[in-house]
Amino acid sequence: MHINPCWLRVRTYDMLTVAESFAKNHASDVFSMEMWGGATFDVTLRFLKEDPWRRLEDLRKAIPNILFQMLLRGSMQ
């Protein structure tokens, strides 16, 4: 399976374009949205030159009715 790298670097502006509509039309269909995890922080800063904390704030304003979650990895030793 091939994943187009363009989809891995979606700008906050583009997310916000659909965020309010998604929240309005699909809130009853989803429990939560994964907003963070893997390389999200790195990609936002290094490649998109955006503030990852601002991204979360802006998306929370646009999607107030759906829970946000994050993928957290670690090792147990």
Protein backbone atom coordinates (compact mmCIF):
# COMPACT_ATOMS: atom_id res chain seq x y z
CA MET A 1 0.00 0.00 0.00
CA HIS A 2 1.39 3.38 -0.98
CA ILE A 3 0.54 6.53 0.99
CA ASN A 4 0.96 9.83 -0.79
CA PRO A 5 3.30 12.04 1.33
CA CYS A 6 1.11 15.06 0.59
CA TRP A 7 -1.58 13.63 2.85
CA LEU A 8 0.88 13.40 5.72
CA ARG A 9 1.47 17.15 5.67
CA VAL A 10 -1.94 18.75 5.78
CA ARG A 11 -1.86 22.43 6.71
CA THR A 12 -3.91 23.74 9.59
CA TYR A 13 -5.63 26.12 7.17
CA ASP A 14 -6.88 23.16 5.12
CA MET A 15 -8.08 21.30 8.23
CA LEU A 16 -9.98 24.36 9.41
CA THR A 17 -11.71 24.64 6.04
CA VAL A 18 -13.65 21.45 6.74
CA ALA A 19 -13.55 21.32 10.55
CA GLU A 20 -16.78 23.16 11.38
CA SER A 21 -18.76 21.30 8.74
CA PHE A 22 -17.39 17.97 9.98
CA ALA A 23 -18.28 18.83 13.58
CA LYS A 24 -21.79 19.85 12.57
CA ASN A 25 -22.54 16.91 10.29
CA HIS A 26 -20.65 13.98 11.84
CA ALA A 27 -20.55 14.52 15.61
CA SER A 28 -23.00 11.70 16.23
CA ASP A 29 -20.96 9.32 14.03
CA VAL A 30 -17.63 9.53 15.89
CA PHE A 31 -16.55 9.21 19.51
CA SER A 32 -13.31 11.12 19.11
CA MET A 33 -10.77 12.39 16.59
CA GLU A 34 -7.10 11.52 16.76
CA MET A 35 -5.31 14.86 16.62
CA TRP A 36 -1.83 14.05 17.73
CA GLY A 37 0.64 11.22 17.53
CA GLY A 38 3.52 9.81 15.59
CA ALA A 39 5.26 12.60 13.72
CA THR A 40 2.50 15.21 13.96
CA PHE A 41 4.50 17.60 16.12
CA ASP A 42 7.65 17.26 14.00
CA VAL A 43 5.85 17.67 10.67
CA THR A 44 3.91 20.70 11.90
CA LEU A 45 7.05 22.48 13.04
CA ARG A 46 9.70 21.38 10.58
CA PHE A 47 7.87 21.00 7.29
CA LEU A 48 4.78 23.16 7.60
CA LYS A 49 6.43 25.92 9.69
CA GLU A 50 3.32 26.09 11.88
CA ASP A 51 2.78 26.22 15.63
CA PRO A 52 1.42 22.80 16.72
CA TRP A 53 -0.11 24.28 19.88
CA ARG A 54 -1.96 26.93 17.87
CA ARG A 55 -3.23 24.16 15.59
CA LEU A 56 -4.82 22.37 18.54
CA GLU A 57 -6.34 25.60 19.86
CA ASP A 58 -7.80 26.53 16.48
CA LEU A 59 -9.19 23.06 15.85
CA ARG A 60 -10.74 22.95 19.33
CA LYS A 61 -12.57 26.20 18.60
CA ALA A 62 -13.82 24.82 15.29
CA ILE A 63 -14.73 21.38 16.70
CA PRO A 64 -16.00 21.93 20.25
CA ASN A 65 -18.38 18.97 20.32
CA ILE A 66 -16.05 16.03 19.54
CA LEU A 67 -13.41 14.67 21.91
CA PHE A 68 -9.76 14.86 20.85
CA GLN A 69 -7.32 12.06 21.52
CA MET A 70 -3.65 11.42 20.94
CA LEU A 71 -1.55 8.41 20.13
CA LEU A 72 1.08 7.95 22.83
CA ARG A 73 3.85 5.38 22.47
CA GLY A 74 6.43 4.35 24.96
CA SER A 75 8.27 1.42 26.37
CA MET A 76 7.73 -0.31 29.66
CA GLN A 77 10.97 -1.32 31.32
